[in-house]
């Protein structure tokens, strides 16, 4: 397996983590407040979650492709320059 493919897979895992953080962050905040998890109300967590939401919203507003998507696509192209060849 090419090192480009491995790096693309790593970027994909990071991207999944970011998506889970953006989507699941609010759920953690609600559940954490019910269960007494103090870390969900820490400034660093709330600001990081808000920043992630703002970045995604700005990208969507301006029709931008996520940089992680572009990087993963480029890495996959480097791993197999002709992915649709017959």
N, C-alpha and C. Protein backbone atom coordinates (compact mmCIF):
# COMPACT_ATOMS: atom_id res chain seq x y z
N UNK A 1 0.85 -1.18 0.00
CA UNK A 1 0.00 0.00 0.00
C UNK A 1 0.89 1.24 0.00
N UNK A 2 0.53 2.18 -0.80
CA UNK A 2 1.29 3.41 -0.95
C UNK A 2 1.23 4.27 0.31
N UNK A 3 2.30 4.99 0.57
CA UNK A 3 2.30 5.90 1.73
C UNK A 3 1.29 7.03 1.53
N UNK A 4 1.01 7.40 0.29
CA UNK A 4 -0.01 8.42 0.03
C UNK A 4 -1.39 7.92 0.46
N UNK A 5 -1.66 6.67 0.19
CA UNK A 5 -2.96 6.10 0.58
C UNK A 5 -3.08 6.05 2.10
N UNK A 6 -2.01 5.69 2.78
CA UNK A 6 -2.03 5.67 4.25
C UNK A 6 -2.25 7.07 4.81
N UNK A 7 -1.59 8.06 4.22
CA UNK A 7 -1.79 9.45 4.68
C UNK A 7 -3.22 9.90 4.39
N UNK A 8 -3.78 9.51 3.24
CA UNK A 8 -5.16 9.86 2.92
C UNK A 8 -6.12 9.23 3.93
N UNK A 9 -5.86 7.99 4.31
CA UNK A 9 -6.69 7.34 5.32
C UNK A 9 -6.58 8.05 6.67
N UNK A 10 -5.38 8.51 7.01
CA UNK A 10 -5.19 9.25 8.26
C UNK A 10 -5.96 10.56 8.23
N UNK A 11 -5.92 11.26 7.11
CA UNK A 11 -6.67 12.51 6.96
C UNK A 11 -8.17 12.23 7.08
N UNK A 12 -8.61 11.12 6.49
CA UNK A 12 -10.02 10.74 6.59
C UNK A 12 -10.43 10.52 8.06
N UNK A 13 -9.58 9.86 8.82
CA UNK A 13 -9.88 9.63 10.24
C UNK A 13 -9.95 10.95 11.01
N UNK A 14 -9.03 11.86 10.71
CA UNK A 14 -9.06 13.18 11.36
C UNK A 14 -10.36 13.89 10.99
N UNK A 15 -10.74 13.80 9.73
CA UNK A 15 -11.96 14.46 9.25
C UNK A 15 -13.19 13.90 9.96
N UNK A 16 -13.24 12.59 10.10
CA UNK A 16 -14.36 11.96 10.82
C UNK A 16 -14.40 12.48 12.26
N UNK A 17 -13.22 12.60 12.88
CA UNK A 17 -13.15 13.13 14.24
C UNK A 17 -13.68 14.55 14.33
N UNK A 18 -13.35 15.38 13.36
CA UNK A 18 -13.82 16.76 13.35
C UNK A 18 -15.34 16.79 13.19
N UNK A 19 -15.86 15.98 12.28
CA UNK A 19 -17.31 15.92 12.08
C UNK A 19 -18.01 15.46 13.35
N UNK A 20 -17.49 14.44 13.99
CA UNK A 20 -18.09 13.96 15.24
C UNK A 20 -18.04 15.03 16.33
N UNK A 21 -16.95 15.78 16.37
CA UNK A 21 -16.83 16.86 17.35
C UNK A 21 -17.86 17.95 17.10
N UNK A 22 -18.03 18.34 15.84
CA UNK A 22 -18.99 19.40 15.51
C UNK A 22 -20.42 18.92 15.78
N UNK A 23 -20.74 17.73 15.31
CA UNK A 23 -22.10 17.23 15.44
C UNK A 23 -22.40 16.78 16.87
N UNK A 24 -21.45 16.07 17.47
CA UNK A 24 -21.69 15.51 18.79
C UNK A 24 -21.38 16.43 19.96
N UNK A 25 -20.72 17.54 19.69
CA UNK A 25 -20.32 18.44 20.77
C UNK A 25 -21.49 18.93 21.60
N UNK A 26 -22.55 19.32 20.94
CA UNK A 26 -23.73 19.80 21.68
C UNK A 26 -24.33 18.68 22.53
N UNK A 27 -24.36 17.49 21.97
CA UNK A 27 -24.86 16.34 22.74
C UNK A 27 -24.02 16.09 23.98
N UNK A 28 -22.70 16.23 23.84
CA UNK A 28 -21.82 16.08 25.01
C UNK A 28 -22.10 17.16 26.05
N UNK A 29 -22.35 18.37 25.58
CA UNK A 29 -22.63 19.47 26.51
C UNK A 29 -23.92 19.19 27.29
N UNK A 30 -24.97 18.80 26.58
CA UNK A 30 -26.24 18.52 27.24
C UNK A 30 -26.10 17.33 28.19
N UNK A 31 -25.55 16.23 27.69
CA UNK A 31 -25.39 15.03 28.53
C UNK A 31 -24.45 15.31 29.69
N UNK A 32 -23.37 16.04 29.42
CA UNK A 32 -22.40 16.33 30.46
C UNK A 32 -22.97 17.18 31.58
N UNK A 33 -23.82 18.11 31.25
CA UNK A 33 -24.46 18.93 32.28
C UNK A 33 -25.43 18.10 33.12
N UNK A 34 -26.09 17.16 32.51
CA UNK A 34 -26.99 16.28 33.25
C UNK A 34 -26.23 15.32 34.15
N UNK A 35 -25.04 14.91 33.71
CA UNK A 35 -24.26 13.93 34.46
C UNK A 35 -23.20 14.55 35.37
N UNK A 36 -23.08 15.87 35.31
CA UNK A 36 -22.12 16.54 36.18
C UNK A 36 -20.68 16.53 35.67
N UNK A 37 -20.51 16.38 34.36
CA UNK A 37 -19.16 16.42 33.78
C UNK A 37 -18.72 17.88 33.69
N UNK A 38 -17.76 18.26 34.47
CA UNK A 38 -17.34 19.66 34.50
C UNK A 38 -16.64 20.10 33.22
N UNK A 39 -15.94 19.20 32.57
CA UNK A 39 -15.14 19.57 31.41
C UNK A 39 -15.97 20.09 30.24
N UNK A 40 -17.26 19.71 30.17
CA UNK A 40 -18.08 20.19 29.05
C UNK A 40 -18.40 21.67 29.16
N UNK A 41 -18.19 22.26 30.32
CA UNK A 41 -18.41 23.69 30.50
C UNK A 41 -17.11 24.48 30.57
N UNK A 42 -16.01 23.82 30.34
CA UNK A 42 -14.73 24.52 30.34
C UNK A 42 -14.64 25.42 29.11
N UNK A 43 -14.00 26.53 29.30
CA UNK A 43 -13.88 27.52 28.22
C UNK A 43 -13.23 26.92 26.97
N UNK A 44 -12.17 26.13 27.16
CA UNK A 44 -11.45 25.57 26.00
C UNK A 44 -12.37 24.69 25.16
N UNK A 45 -13.23 23.89 25.81
CA UNK A 45 -14.12 23.01 25.06
C UNK A 45 -15.18 23.80 24.32
N UNK A 46 -15.79 24.74 25.01
CA UNK A 46 -16.84 25.54 24.39
C UNK A 46 -16.31 26.38 23.23
N UNK A 47 -15.13 27.00 23.43
CA UNK A 47 -14.55 27.81 22.36
C UNK A 47 -14.12 26.96 21.17
N UNK A 48 -13.54 25.80 21.44
CA UNK A 48 -13.14 24.91 20.35
C UNK A 48 -14.36 24.44 19.56
N UNK A 49 -15.44 24.11 20.27
CA UNK A 49 -16.66 23.67 19.60
C UNK A 49 -17.27 24.80 18.78
N UNK A 50 -17.33 25.99 19.37
CA UNK A 50 -17.86 27.15 18.65
C UNK A 50 -17.01 27.47 17.42
N UNK A 51 -15.70 27.43 17.57
CA UNK A 51 -14.80 27.71 16.43
C UNK A 51 -15.02 26.70 15.31
N UNK A 52 -15.17 25.44 15.66
CA UNK A 52 -15.40 24.41 14.64
C UNK A 52 -16.71 24.65 13.90
N UNK A 53 -17.74 25.02 14.64
CA UNK A 53 -19.04 25.31 14.01
C UNK A 53 -18.93 26.52 13.08
N UNK A 54 -18.25 27.56 13.53
CA UNK A 54 -18.09 28.77 12.71
C UNK A 54 -17.31 28.46 11.43
N UNK A 55 -16.25 27.67 11.54
CA UNK A 55 -15.46 27.33 10.36
C UNK A 55 -16.32 26.57 9.35
N UNK A 56 -17.08 25.60 9.81
CA UNK A 56 -17.94 24.83 8.91
C UNK A 56 -19.01 25.74 8.29
N UNK A 57 -19.60 26.62 9.09
CA UNK A 57 -20.64 27.53 8.57
C UNK A 57 -20.07 28.48 7.52
N UNK A 58 -18.89 29.02 7.76
CA UNK A 58 -18.26 29.93 6.79
C UNK A 58 -17.95 29.19 5.49
N UNK A 59 -17.44 27.97 5.61
CA UNK A 59 -17.16 27.19 4.41
C UNK A 59 -18.43 26.93 3.61
N UNK A 60 -19.51 26.59 4.30
CA UNK A 60 -20.78 26.33 3.62
C UNK A 60 -21.34 27.61 3.00
N UNK A 61 -21.27 28.71 3.73
CA UNK A 61 -21.80 29.99 3.26
C UNK A 61 -21.13 30.42 1.95
N UNK A 62 -19.80 30.27 1.89
CA UNK A 62 -19.05 30.69 0.72
C UNK A 62 -18.86 29.59 -0.32
N UNK A 63 -19.45 28.43 -0.10
CA UNK A 63 -19.35 27.33 -1.05
C UNK A 63 -17.95 26.75 -1.17
N UNK A 64 -17.21 26.81 -0.08
CA UNK A 64 -15.83 26.33 -0.09
C UNK A 64 -15.80 24.82 0.18
N UNK A 65 -14.83 24.16 -0.42
CA UNK A 65 -14.59 22.76 -0.12
C UNK A 65 -13.69 22.69 1.11
N UNK A 66 -14.00 21.78 1.99
CA UNK A 66 -13.21 21.63 3.21
C UNK A 66 -11.74 21.33 2.85
N UNK A 67 -10.81 21.99 3.52
CA UNK A 67 -9.39 21.72 3.25
C UNK A 67 -9.01 20.26 3.50
N UNK A 68 -9.64 19.62 4.45
CA UNK A 68 -9.34 18.22 4.70
C UNK A 68 -9.81 17.35 3.54
N UNK A 69 -10.94 17.69 2.94
CA UNK A 69 -11.44 16.96 1.77
C UNK A 69 -10.48 17.14 0.60
N UNK A 70 -10.03 18.38 0.38
CA UNK A 70 -9.09 18.64 -0.71
C UNK A 70 -7.78 17.89 -0.50
N UNK A 71 -7.27 17.89 0.74
CA UNK A 71 -6.02 17.19 1.03
C UNK A 71 -6.19 15.69 0.82
N UNK A 72 -7.27 15.13 1.32
CA UNK A 72 -7.49 13.69 1.14
C UNK A 72 -7.60 13.33 -0.34
N UNK A 73 -8.32 14.13 -1.10
CA UNK A 73 -8.47 13.87 -2.54
C UNK A 73 -7.12 13.93 -3.25
N UNK A 74 -6.31 14.93 -2.90
CA UNK A 74 -4.99 15.07 -3.52
C UNK A 74 -4.12 13.86 -3.18
N UNK A 75 -4.15 13.44 -1.93
CA UNK A 75 -3.35 12.29 -1.52
C UNK A 75 -3.80 11.02 -2.24
N UNK A 76 -5.10 10.85 -2.39
CA UNK A 76 -5.60 9.67 -3.10
C UNK A 76 -5.22 9.72 -4.58
N UNK A 77 -5.21 10.91 -5.15
CA UNK A 77 -4.79 11.04 -6.54
C UNK A 77 -3.30 10.71 -6.69
N UNK A 78 -2.50 11.09 -5.71
CA UNK A 78 -1.08 10.76 -5.74
C UNK A 78 -0.87 9.26 -5.60
N UNK A 79 -1.73 8.60 -4.83
CA UNK A 79 -1.61 7.16 -4.62
C UNK A 79 -1.99 6.38 -5.87
N UNK A 80 -2.96 6.89 -6.61
CA UNK A 80 -3.43 6.22 -7.82
C UNK A 80 -3.85 7.28 -8.83
N UNK A 81 -2.93 7.71 -9.69
CA UNK A 81 -3.22 8.83 -10.61
C UNK A 81 -4.33 8.56 -11.61
N UNK A 82 -4.70 7.31 -11.82
CA UNK A 82 -5.77 6.99 -12.78
C UNK A 82 -6.82 6.13 -12.10
N UNK A 83 -7.57 6.67 -11.13
CA UNK A 83 -8.49 5.82 -10.39
C UNK A 83 -9.68 5.32 -11.20
N UNK A 84 -9.98 5.97 -12.33
CA UNK A 84 -11.15 5.55 -13.10
C UNK A 84 -10.78 4.92 -14.44
N UNK A 85 -9.53 4.55 -14.60
CA UNK A 85 -9.09 3.93 -15.85
C UNK A 85 -9.71 2.54 -15.98
N UNK A 86 -9.99 2.16 -17.23
CA UNK A 86 -10.59 0.83 -17.47
C UNK A 86 -9.53 -0.19 -17.74
